[in-house]
Amino acid sequence: MGAIVSPLGQLTPQERAVLDALAARSGRVVSRSELARAVGVADLSERRCDSLVVAVRRAVGAERVVTVRRRGWMLVAA
């Protein structure tokens, strides 16, 4: 079963901020805390950041957002 890819225009402002933060650091690992600060959700549950990354994966394709275990996420070129 293939990945479901949704249009980037359907991202919420927070999801768009996550994508922008990952894109600004493309090819580098971004930790959950760094991403939460960049997006402005540092005061929320750390799992909120995880759910935002899931939404971004759906939009850009799961293979583009790589999980680096115990470190964070990384956006890779298509």
Protein backbone atom coordinates (compact mmCIF):
# COMPACT_ATOMS: atom_id res chain seq x y z
CA MET A 1 0.00 0.00 0.00
CA GLY A 2 1.48 3.36 -1.02
CA ALA A 3 1.78 6.52 1.03
CA ILE A 4 -1.13 8.91 1.04
CA VAL A 5 0.11 12.28 -0.13
CA SER A 6 -2.08 15.29 0.60
CA PRO A 7 -1.66 18.71 -1.00
CA LEU A 8 0.69 21.05 0.85
CA GLY A 9 -2.01 23.71 0.77
CA GLN A 10 -4.07 21.65 3.20
CA LEU A 11 -1.49 21.84 5.99
CA THR A 12 -2.47 23.70 9.15
CA PRO A 13 -0.28 26.66 10.13
CA GLN A 14 1.55 24.52 12.73
CA GLU A 15 2.10 21.70 10.23
CA ARG A 16 3.41 24.23 7.70
CA ALA A 17 5.77 25.60 10.38
CA VAL A 18 7.11 22.08 10.99
CA LEU A 19 7.71 21.59 7.27
CA ASP A 20 9.42 24.98 7.04
CA ALA A 21 11.62 24.21 10.07
CA LEU A 22 12.65 20.83 8.63
CA ALA A 23 13.26 22.37 5.19
CA ALA A 24 15.44 25.11 6.69
CA ARG A 25 17.59 22.35 8.21
CA SER A 26 17.29 19.94 5.29
CA GLY A 27 19.72 17.03 5.55
CA ARG A 28 20.32 17.66 9.27
CA VAL A 29 18.65 15.95 12.23
CA VAL A 30 16.21 18.19 14.11
CA SER A 31 15.41 17.15 17.69
CA ARG A 32 11.89 17.18 19.09
CA SER A 33 12.71 20.07 21.43
CA GLU A 34 14.37 22.10 18.67
CA LEU A 35 11.42 21.52 16.38
CA ALA A 36 8.91 22.36 19.13
CA ARG A 37 10.70 25.66 19.84
CA ALA A 38 10.87 26.53 16.14
CA VAL A 39 7.16 25.84 15.68
CA GLY A 40 6.02 27.45 18.92
CA VAL A 41 4.59 24.37 20.61
CA ALA A 42 7.31 23.94 23.24
CA ASP A 43 4.79 24.56 26.02
CA LEU A 44 2.49 21.79 24.75
CA SER A 45 2.87 18.02 25.08
CA GLU A 46 5.98 16.72 23.36
CA ARG A 47 3.74 14.26 21.55
CA ARG A 48 2.03 17.20 19.82
CA CYS A 49 5.24 17.63 17.86
CA ASP A 50 5.09 13.97 16.86
CA SER A 51 1.55 14.33 15.53
CA LEU A 52 2.57 17.39 13.50
CA VAL A 53 5.42 15.39 11.93
CA VAL A 54 2.95 12.62 11.03
CA ALA A 55 0.79 15.17 9.20
CA VAL A 56 3.84 16.53 7.35
CA ARG A 57 4.80 12.99 6.33
CA ARG A 58 1.35 12.52 4.84
CA ALA A 59 1.74 15.73 2.87
CA VAL A 60 5.26 15.26 1.49
CA GLY A 61 5.52 11.47 1.51
CA ALA A 62 6.78 9.28 4.33
CA GLU A 63 10.12 8.62 2.64
CA ARG A 64 10.99 12.35 2.78
CA VAL A 65 10.85 12.67 6.58
CA VAL A 66 13.29 10.22 8.14
CA THR A 67 13.19 9.33 11.83
CA VAL A 68 16.63 9.17 13.40
CA ARG A 69 16.07 7.08 16.49
CA ARG A 70 16.60 8.91 19.78
CA ARG A 71 17.66 12.05 17.93
CA GLY A 72 14.77 13.47 15.90
CA TRP A 73 13.76 13.85 12.28
CA MET A 74 15.41 14.83 9.04
CA LEU A 75 13.97 16.04 5.75
CA VAL A 76 15.69 14.43 2.78
CA ALA A 77 15.66 15.31 -0.92
CA ALA A 78 13.05 13.65 -3.09
